[in-house]
Amino acid sequence: MKYLLLIYEKEGDWAGLPPKEQEQAMGEYRALSVELASKGKLVGGHQLAPVATATTVRVRDGKVLSTDGPFAETREQLGGFYLIEADNLDEALAYAARVPAARMKGSVEVRPVV
C-alpha cells in the first residue's frame, strides 16, 4: 500500500540550526532516501520551495482567484514529502519516525493513498 509522509516544519527553525546540525540532518534524509530506494519502497519525494513561493488557487462563482502564499497561516509549513510503498501502517509509521523533522520540532503526517 502507498503512504504519503508529509513533512511539516517551521521554516525559520531550519535556518536557525548550526551548519553542522543542518548537514547531519541532510545526511539522515539522504540515508533514508537511499534505504527506501534500495528496498523498492520509495515511490517519490521532494523538498518543497519556501511557502513564500506558493500560490493558492480557488474557483468561486466561476471565477479563478489566485493569491500569494499558502492557503492558511499555520504554525508549521509543508516542507516536503516522501511517497512510499509499505506493507502496512506500522511500517509507514516506522519510516516516518526516522524523518529528521519528526524529532526536530516538526512533525510527519502519514496518510494512506487511496
C-alpha atoms as a PDB file:
ATOM      1  CA  MET A   1       0.000   0.000   0.000  1.00  0.00           C
ATOM      2  CA  LYS A   2       1.197   3.521  -0.723  1.00  0.00           C
ATOM      3  CA  TYR A   3       1.567   6.099   2.041  1.00  0.00           C
ATOM      4  CA  LEU A   4       2.344   9.790   1.808  1.00  0.00           C
ATOM      5  CA  LEU A   5       4.658  11.110   4.512  1.00  0.00           C
ATOM      6  CA  LEU A   6       4.001  14.866   4.709  1.00  0.00           C
ATOM      7  CA  ILE A   7       6.869  16.680   6.412  1.00  0.00           C
ATOM      8  CA  TYR A   8       5.949  19.801   8.388  1.00  0.00           C
ATOM      9  CA  GLU A   9       8.386  22.233   9.988  1.00  0.00           C
ATOM     10  CA  LYS A  10       8.673  25.887  10.848  1.00  0.00           C
ATOM     11  CA  GLU A  11      10.748  27.287   8.004  1.00  0.00           C
ATOM     12  CA  GLY A  12      12.702  29.564  10.319  1.00  0.00           C
ATOM     13  CA  ASP A  13      13.768  26.669  12.540  1.00  0.00           C
ATOM     14  CA  TRP A  14      15.926  25.155   9.783  1.00  0.00           C
ATOM     15  CA  ALA A  15      17.733  28.433   9.115  1.00  0.00           C
ATOM     16  CA  GLY A  16      18.433  28.758  12.834  1.00  0.00           C
ATOM     17  CA  LEU A  17      20.268  25.441  13.049  1.00  0.00           C
ATOM     18  CA  PRO A  18      24.064  25.480  13.144  1.00  0.00           C
ATOM     19  CA  PRO A  19      25.573  24.345   9.810  1.00  0.00           C
ATOM     20  CA  LYS A  20      26.853  21.112  11.381  1.00  0.00           C
ATOM     21  CA  GLU A  21      23.325  20.159  12.515  1.00  0.00           C
ATOM     22  CA  GLN A  22      21.896  21.059   9.092  1.00  0.00           C
ATOM     23  CA  GLU A  23      24.451  18.798   7.391  1.00  0.00           C
ATOM     24  CA  GLN A  24      23.755  15.965   9.845  1.00  0.00           C
ATOM     25  CA  ALA A  25      20.003  16.199   9.204  1.00  0.00           C
ATOM     26  CA  MET A  26      20.517  16.343   5.430  1.00  0.00           C
ATOM     27  CA  GLY A  27      22.697  13.248   5.717  1.00  0.00           C
ATOM     28  CA  GLU A  28      19.874  11.481   7.540  1.00  0.00           C
ATOM     29  CA  TYR A  29      17.403  12.493   4.821  1.00  0.00           C
ATOM     30  CA  ARG A  30      19.774  11.180   2.150  1.00  0.00           C
ATOM     31  CA  ALA A  31      20.357   7.923   4.036  1.00  0.00           C
ATOM     32  CA  LEU A  32      16.622   7.356   4.480  1.00  0.00           C
ATOM     33  CA  SER A  33      16.029   8.070   0.778  1.00  0.00           C
ATOM     34  CA  VAL A  34      18.786   5.645  -0.264  1.00  0.00           C
ATOM     35  CA  GLU A  35      17.458   2.923   2.057  1.00  0.00           C
ATOM     36  CA  LEU A  36      13.878   3.336   0.842  1.00  0.00           C
ATOM     37  CA  ALA A  37      15.046   3.244  -2.789  1.00  0.00           C
ATOM     38  CA  SER A  38      17.278   0.201  -2.276  1.00  0.00           C
ATOM     39  CA  LYS A  39      14.355  -1.706  -0.737  1.00  0.00           C
ATOM     40  CA  GLY A  40      11.999  -0.709  -3.556  1.00  0.00           C
ATOM     41  CA  LYS A  41       9.873   1.292  -1.116  1.00  0.00           C
ATOM     42  CA  LEU A  42      10.496   4.812  -2.456  1.00  0.00           C
ATOM     43  CA  VAL A  43       7.896   5.898  -4.994  1.00  0.00           C
ATOM     44  CA  GLY A  44       8.915   9.557  -4.901  1.00  0.00           C
ATOM     45  CA  GLY A  45       9.686  12.512  -2.709  1.00  0.00           C
ATOM     46  CA  HIS A  46      10.917  16.058  -2.809  1.00  0.00           C
ATOM     47  CA  GLN A  47      11.758  19.060  -0.712  1.00  0.00           C
ATOM     48  CA  LEU A  48       9.431  21.982  -1.458  1.00  0.00           C
ATOM     49  CA  ALA A  49      10.396  25.593  -2.087  1.00  0.00           C
ATOM     50  CA  PRO A  50       9.602  28.053   0.747  1.00  0.00           C
ATOM     51  CA  VAL A  51       5.953  28.964   1.382  1.00  0.00           C
ATOM     52  CA  ALA A  52       6.660  32.484   0.130  1.00  0.00           C
ATOM     53  CA  THR A  53       6.816  30.968  -3.380  1.00  0.00           C
ATOM     54  CA  ALA A  54       3.399  29.297  -3.076  1.00  0.00           C
ATOM     55  CA  THR A  55       0.271  30.409  -4.898  1.00  0.00           C
ATOM     56  CA  THR A  56      -3.182  29.302  -3.773  1.00  0.00           C
ATOM     57  CA  VAL A  57      -5.943  28.916  -6.371  1.00  0.00           C
ATOM     58  CA  ARG A  58      -9.677  28.984  -5.663  1.00  0.00           C
ATOM     59  CA  VAL A  59     -12.643  28.999  -8.024  1.00  0.00           C
ATOM     60  CA  ARG A  60     -15.623  30.950  -6.686  1.00  0.00           C
ATOM     61  CA  ASP A  61     -18.744  31.694  -8.696  1.00  0.00           C
ATOM     62  CA  GLY A  62     -16.921  30.562 -11.823  1.00  0.00           C
ATOM     63  CA  LYS A  63     -14.040  32.982 -11.287  1.00  0.00           C
ATOM     64  CA  VAL A  64     -10.481  31.821 -10.754  1.00  0.00           C
ATOM     65  CA  LEU A  65      -8.857  33.598  -7.829  1.00  0.00           C
ATOM     66  CA  SER A  66      -5.186  33.224  -7.018  1.00  0.00           C
ATOM     67  CA  THR A  67      -3.362  34.577  -4.014  1.00  0.00           C
ATOM     68  CA  ASP A  68       0.260  34.531  -3.000  1.00  0.00           C
ATOM     69  CA  GLY A  69       1.227  32.228  -0.192  1.00  0.00           C
ATOM     70  CA  PRO A  70      -0.234  29.120   1.375  1.00  0.00           C
ATOM     71  CA  PHE A  71      -3.942  28.505   1.877  1.00  0.00           C
ATOM     72  CA  ALA A  72      -3.850  29.152   5.613  1.00  0.00           C
ATOM     73  CA  GLU A  73      -1.438  30.524   8.168  1.00  0.00           C
ATOM     74  CA  THR A  74      -0.167  27.644  10.262  1.00  0.00           C
ATOM     75  CA  ARG A  75       2.455  27.121  12.908  1.00  0.00           C
ATOM     76  CA  GLU A  76       4.266  24.604  10.700  1.00  0.00           C
ATOM     77  CA  GLN A  77       4.549  24.578   6.926  1.00  0.00           C
ATOM     78  CA  LEU A  78       4.618  21.686   4.482  1.00  0.00           C
ATOM     79  CA  GLY A  79       8.275  21.437   3.550  1.00  0.00           C
ATOM     80  CA  GLY A  80       8.465  18.189   1.635  1.00  0.00           C
ATOM     81  CA  PHE A  81       7.199  14.670   1.278  1.00  0.00           C
ATOM     82  CA  TYR A  82       8.024  11.035   0.711  1.00  0.00           C
ATOM     83  CA  LEU A  83       5.650   8.779  -1.203  1.00  0.00           C
ATOM     84  CA  ILE A  84       6.456   5.255  -0.084  1.00  0.00           C
ATOM     85  CA  GLU A  85       5.274   1.702  -0.522  1.00  0.00           C
ATOM     86  CA  ALA A  86       4.805  -0.014   2.852  1.00  0.00           C
ATOM     87  CA  ASP A  87       3.384  -3.370   3.868  1.00  0.00           C
ATOM     88  CA  ASN A  88       1.157  -1.746   6.482  1.00  0.00           C
ATOM     89  CA  LEU A  89       0.621   1.381   8.585  1.00  0.00           C
ATOM     90  CA  ASP A  90       3.095   0.242  11.239  1.00  0.00           C
ATOM     91  CA  GLU A  91       5.893   0.073   8.661  1.00  0.00           C
ATOM     92  CA  ALA A  92       4.934   3.516   7.294  1.00  0.00           C
ATOM     93  CA  LEU A  93       4.946   4.961  10.831  1.00  0.00           C
ATOM     94  CA  ALA A  94       8.385   3.452  11.496  1.00  0.00           C
ATOM     95  CA  TYR A  95       9.775   5.207   8.411  1.00  0.00           C
ATOM     96  CA  ALA A  96       8.026   8.455   9.368  1.00  0.00           C
ATOM     97  CA  ALA A  97       9.700   8.331  12.788  1.00  0.00           C
ATOM     98  CA  ARG A  98      13.089   8.331  11.030  1.00  0.00           C
ATOM     99  CA  VAL A  99      12.410  11.585   9.158  1.00  0.00           C
ATOM    100  CA  PRO A 100      14.610  14.192  10.904  1.00  0.00           C
ATOM    101  CA  ALA A 101      11.787  16.756  11.089  1.00  0.00           C
ATOM    102  CA  ALA A 102       9.829  14.388  13.342  1.00  0.00           C
ATOM    103  CA  ARG A 103      12.320  14.918  16.166  1.00  0.00           C
ATOM    104  CA  MET A 104      13.435  18.457  15.293  1.00  0.00           C
ATOM    105  CA  LYS A 105      10.333  20.398  16.444  1.00  0.00           C
ATOM    106  CA  GLY A 106       8.402  19.362  13.331  1.00  0.00           C
ATOM    107  CA  SER A 107       6.006  16.554  12.509  1.00  0.00           C
ATOM    108  CA  VAL A 108       5.323  13.982   9.835  1.00  0.00           C
ATOM    109  CA  GLU A 109       1.731  13.282   8.835  1.00  0.00           C
ATOM    110  CA  VAL A 110       1.229   9.770   7.455  1.00  0.00           C
ATOM    111  CA  ARG A 111      -1.700   9.266   5.094  1.00  0.00           C
ATOM    112  CA  PRO A 112      -2.680   6.240   3.048  1.00  0.00           C
ATOM    113  CA  VAL A 113      -3.066   6.894  -0.669  1.00  0.00           C
ATOM    114  CA  VAL A 114      -6.490   5.861  -1.977  1.00  0.00           C
END
